[in-house]
All heavy atoms as atom14 arrays in JSON, in Angstrom:
{
  "sequence": "SHLMSEMALTAEHLIVIGRGKLLADTSVADFIEQNSAGGVRIRTPQ",
  "atom14_mask": [
    [1, 1, 1, 1, 1, 1, 0, 0, 0, 0, 0, 0, 0, 0],
    [1, 1, 1, 1, 1, 1, 1, 1, 1, 1, 0, 0, 0, 0],
    [1, 1, 1, 1, 1, 1, 1, 1, 0, 0, 0, 0, 0, 0],
    [1, 1, 1, 1, 1, 1, 1, 1, 0, 0, 0, 0, 0, 0],
    [1, 1, 1, 1, 1, 1, 0, 0, 0, 0, 0, 0, 0, 0],
    [1, 1, 1, 1, 1, 1, 1, 1, 1, 0, 0, 0, 0, 0],
    [1, 1, 1, 1, 1, 1, 1, 1, 0, 0, 0, 0, 0, 0],
    [1, 1, 1, 1, 1, 0, 0, 0, 0, 0, 0, 0, 0, 0],
    [1, 1, 1, 1, 1, 1, 1, 1, 0, 0, 0, 0, 0, 0],
    [1, 1, 1, 1, 1, 1, 1, 0, 0, 0, 0, 0, 0, 0],
    [1, 1, 1, 1, 1, 0, 0, 0, 0, 0, 0, 0, 0, 0],
    [1, 1, 1, 1, 1, 1, 1, 1, 1, 0, 0, 0, 0, 0],
    [1, 1, 1, 1, 1, 1, 1, 1, 1, 1, 0, 0, 0, 0],
    [1, 1, 1, 1, 1, 1, 1, 1, 0, 0, 0, 0, 0, 0],
    [1, 1, 1, 1, 1, 1, 1, 1, 0, 0, 0, 0, 0, 0],
    [1, 1, 1, 1, 1, 1, 1, 0, 0, 0, 0, 0, 0, 0],
    [1, 1, 1, 1, 1, 1, 1, 1, 0, 0, 0, 0, 0, 0],
    [1, 1, 1, 1, 0, 0, 0, 0, 0, 0, 0, 0, 0, 0],
    [1, 1, 1, 1, 1, 1, 1, 1, 1, 1, 1, 0, 0, 0],
    [1, 1, 1, 1, 0, 0, 0, 0, 0, 0, 0, 0, 0, 0],
    [1, 1, 1, 1, 1, 1, 1, 1, 1, 0, 0, 0, 0, 0],
    [1, 1, 1, 1, 1, 1, 1, 1, 0, 0, 0, 0, 0, 0],
    [1, 1, 1, 1, 1, 1, 1, 1, 0, 0, 0, 0, 0, 0],
    [1, 1, 1, 1, 1, 0, 0, 0, 0, 0, 0, 0, 0, 0],
    [1, 1, 1, 1, 1, 1, 1, 1, 0, 0, 0, 0, 0, 0],
    [1, 1, 1, 1, 1, 1, 1, 0, 0, 0, 0, 0, 0, 0],
    [1, 1, 1, 1, 1, 1, 0, 0, 0, 0, 0, 0, 0, 0],
    [1, 1, 1, 1, 1, 1, 1, 0, 0, 0, 0, 0, 0, 0],
    [1, 1, 1, 1, 1, 0, 0, 0, 0, 0, 0, 0, 0, 0],
    [1, 1, 1, 1, 1, 1, 1, 1, 0, 0, 0, 0, 0, 0],
    [1, 1, 1, 1, 1, 1, 1, 1, 1, 1, 1, 0, 0, 0],
    [1, 1, 1, 1, 1, 1, 1, 1, 0, 0, 0, 0, 0, 0],
    [1, 1, 1, 1, 1, 1, 1, 1, 1, 0, 0, 0, 0, 0],
    [1, 1, 1, 1, 1, 1, 1, 1, 1, 0, 0, 0, 0, 0],
    [1, 1, 1, 1, 1, 1, 1, 1, 0, 0, 0, 0, 0, 0],
    [1, 1, 1, 1, 1, 1, 0, 0, 0, 0, 0, 0, 0, 0],
    [1, 1, 1, 1, 1, 0, 0, 0, 0, 0, 0, 0, 0, 0],
    [1, 1, 1, 1, 0, 0, 0, 0, 0, 0, 0, 0, 0, 0],
    [1, 1, 1, 1, 0, 0, 0, 0, 0, 0, 0, 0, 0, 0],
    [1, 1, 1, 1, 1, 1, 1, 0, 0, 0, 0, 0, 0, 0],
    [1, 1, 1, 1, 1, 1, 1, 1, 1, 1, 1, 0, 0, 0],
    [1, 1, 1, 1, 1, 1, 1, 1, 0, 0, 0, 0, 0, 0],
    [1, 1, 1, 1, 1, 1, 1, 1, 1, 1, 1, 0, 0, 0],
    [1, 1, 1, 1, 1, 1, 1, 0, 0, 0, 0, 0, 0, 0],
    [1, 1, 1, 1, 1, 1, 1, 0, 0, 0, 0, 0, 0, 0],
    [1, 1, 1, 1, 1, 1, 1, 1, 1, 0, 0, 0, 0, 0]
  ],
  "atom14_positions": [
    [[10.61, -2.21, -8.22], [9.61, -2.27, -9.18], [8.58, -1.17, -9.18], [8.37, -0.62, -8.07], [8.82, -3.63, -9.16], [7.87, -3.68, -10.19], [0.0, 0.0, 0.0], [0.0, 0.0, 0.0], [0.0, 0.0, 0.0], [0.0, 0.0, 0.0], [0.0, 0.0, 0.0], [0.0, 0.0, 0.0], [0.0, 0.0, 0.0], [0.0, 0.0, 0.0]],
    [[8.02, -0.76, -10.32], [6.98, 0.11, -10.35], [5.61, -0.51, -10.5], [4.58, 0.12, -10.45], [7.16, 1.08, -11.54], [8.18, 2.15, -11.47], [9.4, 2.11, -12.06], [8.23, 3.3, -10.63], [10.18, 3.2, -11.75], [9.44, 3.86, -10.77], [0.0, 0.0, 0.0], [0.0, 0.0, 0.0], [0.0, 0.0, 0.0], [0.0, 0.0, 0.0]],
    [[5.64, -1.91, -10.58], [4.31, -2.56, -10.63], [3.8, -3.02, -9.35], [4.2, -3.92, -8.75], [4.57, -3.9, -11.65], [5.03, -3.58, -13.09], [5.2, -4.85, -13.75], [4.02, -2.79, -13.82], [0.0, 0.0, 0.0], [0.0, 0.0, 0.0], [0.0, 0.0, 0.0], [0.0, 0.0, 0.0], [0.0, 0.0, 0.0], [0.0, 0.0, 0.0]],
    [[2.91, -2.11, -8.94], [2.32, -2.3, -7.55], [1.65, -3.65, -7.4], [1.89, -4.23, -6.39], [1.6, -1.09, -7.12], [2.19, 0.22, -7.08], [3.49, 0.29, -5.86], [4.84, 0.75, -6.75], [0.0, 0.0, 0.0], [0.0, 0.0, 0.0], [0.0, 0.0, 0.0], [0.0, 0.0, 0.0], [0.0, 0.0, 0.0], [0.0, 0.0, 0.0]],
    [[0.84, -3.93, -8.36], [0.08, -5.19, -8.28], [1.03, -6.37, -8.12], [0.75, -7.33, -7.45], [-0.83, -5.37, -9.56], [0.06, -5.42, -10.72], [0.0, 0.0, 0.0], [0.0, 0.0, 0.0], [0.0, 0.0, 0.0], [0.0, 0.0, 0.0], [0.0, 0.0, 0.0], [0.0, 0.0, 0.0], [0.0, 0.0, 0.0], [0.0, 0.0, 0.0]],
    [[2.16, -6.34, -8.82], [3.08, -7.43, -8.69], [3.82, -7.47, -7.33], [4.06, -8.47, -6.79], [4.08, -7.32, -9.87], [4.99, -8.62, -9.97], [4.27, -9.8, -10.06], [3.12, -9.93, -10.72], [4.76, -10.88, -9.56], [0.0, 0.0, 0.0], [0.0, 0.0, 0.0], [0.0, 0.0, 0.0], [0.0, 0.0, 0.0], [0.0, 0.0, 0.0]],
    [[4.2, -6.3, -6.9], [4.86, -6.28, -5.64], [3.94, -6.68, -4.45], [4.3, -7.34, -3.57], [5.24, -4.73, -5.3], [6.56, -4.31, -5.91], [8.0, -5.15, -5.15], [8.19, -6.63, -6.24], [0.0, 0.0, 0.0], [0.0, 0.0, 0.0], [0.0, 0.0, 0.0], [0.0, 0.0, 0.0], [0.0, 0.0, 0.0], [0.0, 0.0, 0.0]],
    [[2.64, -6.48, -4.63], [1.74, -6.84, -3.6], [1.59, -8.41, -3.56], [1.38, -8.97, -2.46], [0.27, -6.44, -3.86], [0.0, 0.0, 0.0], [0.0, 0.0, 0.0], [0.0, 0.0, 0.0], [0.0, 0.0, 0.0], [0.0, 0.0, 0.0], [0.0, 0.0, 0.0], [0.0, 0.0, 0.0], [0.0, 0.0, 0.0], [0.0, 0.0, 0.0]],
    [[1.91, -9.1, -4.65], [1.99, -10.57, -4.75], [3.28, -11.17, -4.38], [3.34, -12.33, -4.04], [1.46, -11.04, -6.13], [0.05, -10.7, -6.57], [-0.13, -10.99, -7.95], [-0.94, -11.42, -5.69], [0.0, 0.0, 0.0], [0.0, 0.0, 0.0], [0.0, 0.0, 0.0], [0.0, 0.0, 0.0], [0.0, 0.0, 0.0], [0.0, 0.0, 0.0]],
    [[4.39, -10.34, -4.48], [5.74, -10.89, -4.44], [6.42, -10.62, -3.07], [7.0, -11.48, -2.5], [6.6, -10.32, -5.54], [5.94, -10.63, -6.84], [8.05, -10.91, -5.47], [0.0, 0.0, 0.0], [0.0, 0.0, 0.0], [0.0, 0.0, 0.0], [0.0, 0.0, 0.0], [0.0, 0.0, 0.0], [0.0, 0.0, 0.0], [0.0, 0.0, 0.0]],
    [[6.27, -9.43, -2.63], [6.98, -8.93, -1.47], [6.32, -9.11, -0.21], [5.13, -9.08, -0.1], [7.47, -7.49, -1.66], [0.0, 0.0, 0.0], [0.0, 0.0, 0.0], [0.0, 0.0, 0.0], [0.0, 0.0, 0.0], [0.0, 0.0, 0.0], [0.0, 0.0, 0.0], [0.0, 0.0, 0.0], [0.0, 0.0, 0.0], [0.0, 0.0, 0.0]],
    [[7.03, -9.2, 0.9], [6.61, -9.33, 2.21], [6.79, -7.94, 2.97], [6.08, -7.63, 3.94], [7.01, -10.48, 2.99], [6.64, -11.87, 2.51], [7.26, -13.05, 3.41], [6.99, -12.95, 4.68], [7.91, -13.93, 2.81], [0.0, 0.0, 0.0], [0.0, 0.0, 0.0], [0.0, 0.0, 0.0], [0.0, 0.0, 0.0], [0.0, 0.0, 0.0]],
    [[7.89, -7.28, 2.55], [8.38, -6.22, 3.37], [8.62, -5.08, 2.26], [9.01, -5.45, 1.13], [9.59, -6.51, 4.15], [9.99, -5.51, 5.2], [9.51, -5.41, 6.5], [10.72, -4.3, 5.09], [9.9, -4.49, 7.12], [10.69, -3.73, 6.36], [0.0, 0.0, 0.0], [0.0, 0.0, 0.0], [0.0, 0.0, 0.0], [0.0, 0.0, 0.0]],
    [[8.52, -3.85, 2.62], [8.82, -2.73, 1.75], [9.71, -1.75, 2.36], [9.68, -1.36, 3.55], [7.42, -2.09, 1.47], [6.35, -2.86, 0.73], [5.09, -1.93, 0.57], [6.8, -3.34, -0.67], [0.0, 0.0, 0.0], [0.0, 0.0, 0.0], [0.0, 0.0, 0.0], [0.0, 0.0, 0.0], [0.0, 0.0, 0.0], [0.0, 0.0, 0.0]],
    [[10.57, -1.19, 1.41], [11.29, -0.06, 1.69], [10.76, 0.99, 0.64], [10.87, 0.84, -0.41], [12.89, -0.22, 1.49], [13.36, -1.34, 2.32], [13.66, 1.2, 1.76], [13.45, -1.12, 3.82], [0.0, 0.0, 0.0], [0.0, 0.0, 0.0], [0.0, 0.0, 0.0], [0.0, 0.0, 0.0], [0.0, 0.0, 0.0], [0.0, 0.0, 0.0]],
    [[10.24, 2.07, 1.25], [9.64, 3.18, 0.39], [10.4, 4.45, 0.48], [10.65, 4.91, 1.66], [8.12, 3.39, 0.66], [7.59, 4.27, -0.48], [7.42, 2.08, 0.59], [0.0, 0.0, 0.0], [0.0, 0.0, 0.0], [0.0, 0.0, 0.0], [0.0, 0.0, 0.0], [0.0, 0.0, 0.0], [0.0, 0.0, 0.0], [0.0, 0.0, 0.0]],
    [[10.87, 5.06, -0.66], [11.55, 6.33, -0.6], [10.89, 7.32, -1.42], [10.24, 6.92, -2.46], [13.09, 6.09, -0.9], [13.29, 5.75, -2.37], [13.74, 5.27, -0.02], [14.73, 5.77, -2.84], [0.0, 0.0, 0.0], [0.0, 0.0, 0.0], [0.0, 0.0, 0.0], [0.0, 0.0, 0.0], [0.0, 0.0, 0.0], [0.0, 0.0, 0.0]],
    [[11.1, 8.6, -1.19], [10.67, 9.65, -2.07], [11.61, 10.9, -1.84], [12.02, 11.15, -0.89], [0.0, 0.0, 0.0], [0.0, 0.0, 0.0], [0.0, 0.0, 0.0], [0.0, 0.0, 0.0], [0.0, 0.0, 0.0], [0.0, 0.0, 0.0], [0.0, 0.0, 0.0], [0.0, 0.0, 0.0], [0.0, 0.0, 0.0], [0.0, 0.0, 0.0]],
    [[11.94, 11.31, -3.03], [13.02, 12.49, -3.2], [14.25, 12.09, -2.33], [14.86, 12.96, -1.67], [12.36, 13.8, -2.58], [11.24, 14.23, -3.53], [10.76, 15.64, -3.17], [9.66, 16.04, -3.86], [9.62, 16.74, -5.06], [10.85, 16.88, -5.62], [8.5, 17.04, -5.7], [0.0, 0.0, 0.0], [0.0, 0.0, 0.0], [0.0, 0.0, 0.0]],
    [[14.68, 10.91, -2.32], [15.86, 10.35, -1.71], [15.78, 10.12, -0.17], [16.67, 9.6, 0.33], [0.0, 0.0, 0.0], [0.0, 0.0, 0.0], [0.0, 0.0, 0.0], [0.0, 0.0, 0.0], [0.0, 0.0, 0.0], [0.0, 0.0, 0.0], [0.0, 0.0, 0.0], [0.0, 0.0, 0.0], [0.0, 0.0, 0.0], [0.0, 0.0, 0.0]],
    [[14.57, 10.34, 0.43], [14.41, 10.13, 1.8], [13.52, 8.8, 2.08], [12.67, 8.49, 1.34], [13.66, 11.28, 2.43], [14.49, 12.65, 2.55], [13.76, 13.75, 3.1], [14.65, 14.95, 3.4], [15.66, 14.74, 4.44], [0.0, 0.0, 0.0], [0.0, 0.0, 0.0], [0.0, 0.0, 0.0], [0.0, 0.0, 0.0], [0.0, 0.0, 0.0]],
    [[13.81, 8.26, 3.24], [13.06, 7.06, 3.59], [11.68, 7.54, 4.05], [11.48, 8.46, 4.88], [13.72, 6.43, 4.79], [13.03, 5.17, 5.32], [13.22, 4.05, 4.24], [13.6, 4.57, 6.56], [0.0, 0.0, 0.0], [0.0, 0.0, 0.0], [0.0, 0.0, 0.0], [0.0, 0.0, 0.0], [0.0, 0.0, 0.0], [0.0, 0.0, 0.0]],
    [[10.75, 6.89, 3.45], [9.23, 7.14, 3.78], [8.54, 6.11, 4.6], [7.77, 6.24, 5.45], [8.41, 7.43, 2.51], [8.72, 8.56, 1.57], [7.87, 8.6, 0.42], [8.84, 9.89, 2.36], [0.0, 0.0, 0.0], [0.0, 0.0, 0.0], [0.0, 0.0, 0.0], [0.0, 0.0, 0.0], [0.0, 0.0, 0.0], [0.0, 0.0, 0.0]],
    [[9.03, 4.82, 4.39], [8.46, 3.68, 4.98], [9.47, 2.51, 4.96], [10.12, 2.29, 4.04], [7.08, 3.29, 4.47], [0.0, 0.0, 0.0], [0.0, 0.0, 0.0], [0.0, 0.0, 0.0], [0.0, 0.0, 0.0], [0.0, 0.0, 0.0], [0.0, 0.0, 0.0], [0.0, 0.0, 0.0], [0.0, 0.0, 0.0], [0.0, 0.0, 0.0]],
    [[9.45, 1.84, 6.1], [10.23, 0.56, 6.23], [9.4, -0.37, 7.13], [9.4, -0.44, 8.4], [11.57, 0.84, 6.97], [12.47, -0.41, 7.03], [11.91, -1.49, 6.72], [13.64, -0.24, 7.44], [0.0, 0.0, 0.0], [0.0, 0.0, 0.0], [0.0, 0.0, 0.0], [0.0, 0.0, 0.0], [0.0, 0.0, 0.0], [0.0, 0.0, 0.0]],
    [[8.62, -1.21, 6.32], [7.39, -1.97, 7.06], [7.06, -3.11, 6.31], [7.4, -3.22, 5.07], [6.23, -0.94, 7.35], [5.31, -1.57, 8.13], [5.6, -0.5, 6.02], [0.0, 0.0, 0.0], [0.0, 0.0, 0.0], [0.0, 0.0, 0.0], [0.0, 0.0, 0.0], [0.0, 0.0, 0.0], [0.0, 0.0, 0.0], [0.0, 0.0, 0.0]],
    [[6.14, -3.92, 6.91], [5.58, -5.11, 6.06], [4.53, -4.52, 5.07], [4.05, -3.3, 5.22], [4.87, -5.98, 6.99], [3.74, -5.41, 7.58], [0.0, 0.0, 0.0], [0.0, 0.0, 0.0], [0.0, 0.0, 0.0], [0.0, 0.0, 0.0], [0.0, 0.0, 0.0], [0.0, 0.0, 0.0], [0.0, 0.0, 0.0], [0.0, 0.0, 0.0]],
    [[4.19, -5.31, 4.01], [3.26, -4.86, 3.08], [1.97, -4.69, 3.73], [1.25, -3.63, 3.46], [3.24, -5.92, 1.92], [2.07, -5.58, 1.0], [4.48, -5.9, 1.1], [0.0, 0.0, 0.0], [0.0, 0.0, 0.0], [0.0, 0.0, 0.0], [0.0, 0.0, 0.0], [0.0, 0.0, 0.0], [0.0, 0.0, 0.0], [0.0, 0.0, 0.0]],
    [[1.56, -5.61, 4.56], [0.25, -5.58, 5.21], [0.14, -4.24, 6.05], [-0.94, -3.53, 6.01], [0.06, -6.72, 6.12], [0.0, 0.0, 0.0], [0.0, 0.0, 0.0], [0.0, 0.0, 0.0], [0.0, 0.0, 0.0], [0.0, 0.0, 0.0], [0.0, 0.0, 0.0], [0.0, 0.0, 0.0], [0.0, 0.0, 0.0], [0.0, 0.0, 0.0]],
    [[1.11, -3.87, 6.76], [1.14, -2.65, 7.69], [1.15, -1.46, 6.78], [0.57, -0.5, 7.13], [2.28, -2.67, 8.68], [2.1, -3.67, 9.71], [1.11, -4.2, 10.01], [2.98, -4.03, 10.55], [0.0, 0.0, 0.0], [0.0, 0.0, 0.0], [0.0, 0.0, 0.0], [0.0, 0.0, 0.0], [0.0, 0.0, 0.0], [0.0, 0.0, 0.0]],
    [[1.94, -1.39, 5.75], [2.04, -0.31, 4.75], [0.54, 0.04, 4.27], [0.18, 1.14, 4.23], [2.98, -0.59, 3.71], [3.01, 0.57, 2.67], [3.81, 1.63, 3.01], [2.46, 0.6, 1.5], [4.01, 2.79, 2.12], [2.43, 1.64, 0.63], [3.3, 2.73, 0.93], [0.0, 0.0, 0.0], [0.0, 0.0, 0.0], [0.0, 0.0, 0.0]],
    [[-0.16, -0.96, 3.76], [-1.42, -0.82, 3.27], [-2.39, -0.33, 4.36], [-3.17, 0.52, 4.17], [-2.04, -2.12, 2.62], [-1.18, -2.52, 1.4], [-3.46, -1.93, 2.21], [-1.53, -3.73, 0.79], [0.0, 0.0, 0.0], [0.0, 0.0, 0.0], [0.0, 0.0, 0.0], [0.0, 0.0, 0.0], [0.0, 0.0, 0.0], [0.0, 0.0, 0.0]],
    [[-2.32, -0.93, 5.55], [-3.15, -0.52, 6.69], [-2.87, 0.98, 7.08], [-3.95, 1.69, 7.29], [-2.86, -1.47, 7.87], [-3.78, -1.23, 9.03], [-5.25, -1.49, 8.82], [-5.6, -2.28, 8.0], [-6.1, -0.81, 9.5], [0.0, 0.0, 0.0], [0.0, 0.0, 0.0], [0.0, 0.0, 0.0], [0.0, 0.0, 0.0], [0.0, 0.0, 0.0]],
    [[-1.69, 1.39, 7.02], [-1.41, 2.67, 7.59], [-1.66, 3.75, 6.56], [-1.78, 4.88, 6.86], [0.07, 2.83, 7.92], [0.44, 1.85, 9.16], [1.91, 1.61, 9.16], [2.71, 2.29, 8.46], [2.35, 0.73, 10.22], [0.0, 0.0, 0.0], [0.0, 0.0, 0.0], [0.0, 0.0, 0.0], [0.0, 0.0, 0.0], [0.0, 0.0, 0.0]],
    [[-1.78, 3.4, 5.25], [-1.98, 4.39, 4.21], [-3.31, 4.12, 3.38], [-3.45, 4.59, 2.3], [-0.82, 4.36, 3.2], [0.52, 4.76, 3.86], [0.7, 5.93, 4.17], [1.33, 3.8, 4.23], [0.0, 0.0, 0.0], [0.0, 0.0, 0.0], [0.0, 0.0, 0.0], [0.0, 0.0, 0.0], [0.0, 0.0, 0.0], [0.0, 0.0, 0.0]],
    [[-4.36, 3.43, 4.07], [-5.49, 3.18, 3.46], [-6.66, 4.07, 3.76], [-6.75, 4.59, 4.89], [-5.91, 1.77, 3.74], [-5.1, 0.71, 3.2], [0.0, 0.0, 0.0], [0.0, 0.0, 0.0], [0.0, 0.0, 0.0], [0.0, 0.0, 0.0], [0.0, 0.0, 0.0], [0.0, 0.0, 0.0], [0.0, 0.0, 0.0], [0.0, 0.0, 0.0]],
    [[-7.49, 4.25, 2.79], [-8.75, 5.06, 3.13], [-9.75, 3.92, 3.19], [-10.34, 3.44, 2.21], [-9.13, 5.99, 1.98], [0.0, 0.0, 0.0], [0.0, 0.0, 0.0], [0.0, 0.0, 0.0], [0.0, 0.0, 0.0], [0.0, 0.0, 0.0], [0.0, 0.0, 0.0], [0.0, 0.0, 0.0], [0.0, 0.0, 0.0], [0.0, 0.0, 0.0]],
    [[-9.97, 3.34, 4.41], [-10.87, 2.29, 4.71], [-12.28, 2.7, 4.75], [-12.71, 3.88, 4.45], [0.0, 0.0, 0.0], [0.0, 0.0, 0.0], [0.0, 0.0, 0.0], [0.0, 0.0, 0.0], [0.0, 0.0, 0.0], [0.0, 0.0, 0.0], [0.0, 0.0, 0.0], [0.0, 0.0, 0.0], [0.0, 0.0, 0.0], [0.0, 0.0, 0.0]],
    [[-13.22, 1.78, 5.04], [-14.56, 2.06, 5.11], [-15.39, 1.03, 4.35], [-14.92, -0.04, 3.89], [0.0, 0.0, 0.0], [0.0, 0.0, 0.0], [0.0, 0.0, 0.0], [0.0, 0.0, 0.0], [0.0, 0.0, 0.0], [0.0, 0.0, 0.0], [0.0, 0.0, 0.0], [0.0, 0.0, 0.0], [0.0, 0.0, 0.0], [0.0, 0.0, 0.0]],
    [[-16.7, 1.24, 4.18], [-17.63, 0.49, 3.61], [-18.09, 1.12, 2.15], [-18.44, 2.3, 2.31], [-18.79, 0.19, 4.33], [-19.78, -0.72, 3.75], [-18.36, -0.6, 5.69], [0.0, 0.0, 0.0], [0.0, 0.0, 0.0], [0.0, 0.0, 0.0], [0.0, 0.0, 0.0], [0.0, 0.0, 0.0], [0.0, 0.0, 0.0], [0.0, 0.0, 0.0]],
    [[-18.2, 0.37, 1.1], [-18.69, 0.82, -0.14], [-20.02, 0.23, -0.38], [-20.19, -0.96, -0.18], [-17.69, 0.51, -1.28], [-16.42, 1.47, -1.1], [-15.55, 1.44, -2.42], [-14.42, 2.32, -2.21], [-13.45, 2.5, -3.23], [-13.57, 1.69, -4.3], [-12.52, 3.29, -3.03], [0.0, 0.0, 0.0], [0.0, 0.0, 0.0], [0.0, 0.0, 0.0]],
    [[-20.94, 1.1, -0.98], [-22.24, 0.64, -1.29], [-22.58, 1.24, -2.6], [-22.28, 2.28, -2.96], [-23.14, 1.16, -0.14], [-24.63, 0.5, -0.43], [-23.31, 2.59, 0.02], [-25.55, 0.73, 0.82], [0.0, 0.0, 0.0], [0.0, 0.0, 0.0], [0.0, 0.0, 0.0], [0.0, 0.0, 0.0], [0.0, 0.0, 0.0], [0.0, 0.0, 0.0]],
    [[-23.39, 0.39, -3.34], [-23.84, 0.75, -4.69], [-25.35, 0.68, -4.64], [-25.98, -0.44, -4.39], [-23.17, 0.05, -5.88], [-23.69, 0.38, -7.28], [-22.84, -0.16, -8.33], [-22.85, -1.59, -8.28], [-23.75, -2.36, -8.86], [-24.77, -1.67, -9.64], [-23.8, -3.61, -8.88], [0.0, 0.0, 0.0], [0.0, 0.0, 0.0], [0.0, 0.0, 0.0]],
    [[-26.06, 1.69, -4.96], [-27.53, 1.75, -4.89], [-28.11, 2.72, -6.02], [-27.54, 3.64, -6.45], [-27.98, 2.33, -3.53], [-29.41, 2.46, -3.6], [-27.39, 3.68, -3.34], [0.0, 0.0, 0.0], [0.0, 0.0, 0.0], [0.0, 0.0, 0.0], [0.0, 0.0, 0.0], [0.0, 0.0, 0.0], [0.0, 0.0, 0.0], [0.0, 0.0, 0.0]],
    [[-29.3, 2.22, -6.51], [-29.96, 3.07, -7.49], [-30.64, 4.29, -6.89], [-31.29, 5.05, -7.53], [-31.0, 2.14, -8.15], [-31.35, 1.21, -7.04], [-30.07, 0.95, -6.3], [0.0, 0.0, 0.0], [0.0, 0.0, 0.0], [0.0, 0.0, 0.0], [0.0, 0.0, 0.0], [0.0, 0.0, 0.0], [0.0, 0.0, 0.0], [0.0, 0.0, 0.0]],
    [[-30.49, 4.43, -5.58], [-31.07, 5.56, -4.76], [-30.09, 6.23, -3.96], [-30.12, 6.43, -2.78], [-32.22, 5.01, -3.87], [-33.48, 4.25, -4.61], [-34.3, 3.64, -3.67], [-34.06, 2.44, -3.34], [-35.24, 4.15, -3.18], [0.0, 0.0, 0.0], [0.0, 0.0, 0.0], [0.0, 0.0, 0.0], [0.0, 0.0, 0.0], [0.0, 0.0, 0.0]]
  ]
}
């Protein structure tokens, strides 16, 4: 599927490929953790 929001709700494991090569073979949770830009977000008028 190309619908990432749906895959996040449906799948537990992911096989990810790019240009025919394997990029990832991992759980959804680990995939997000390994490819996330984490941190804290803050909104302020200053």
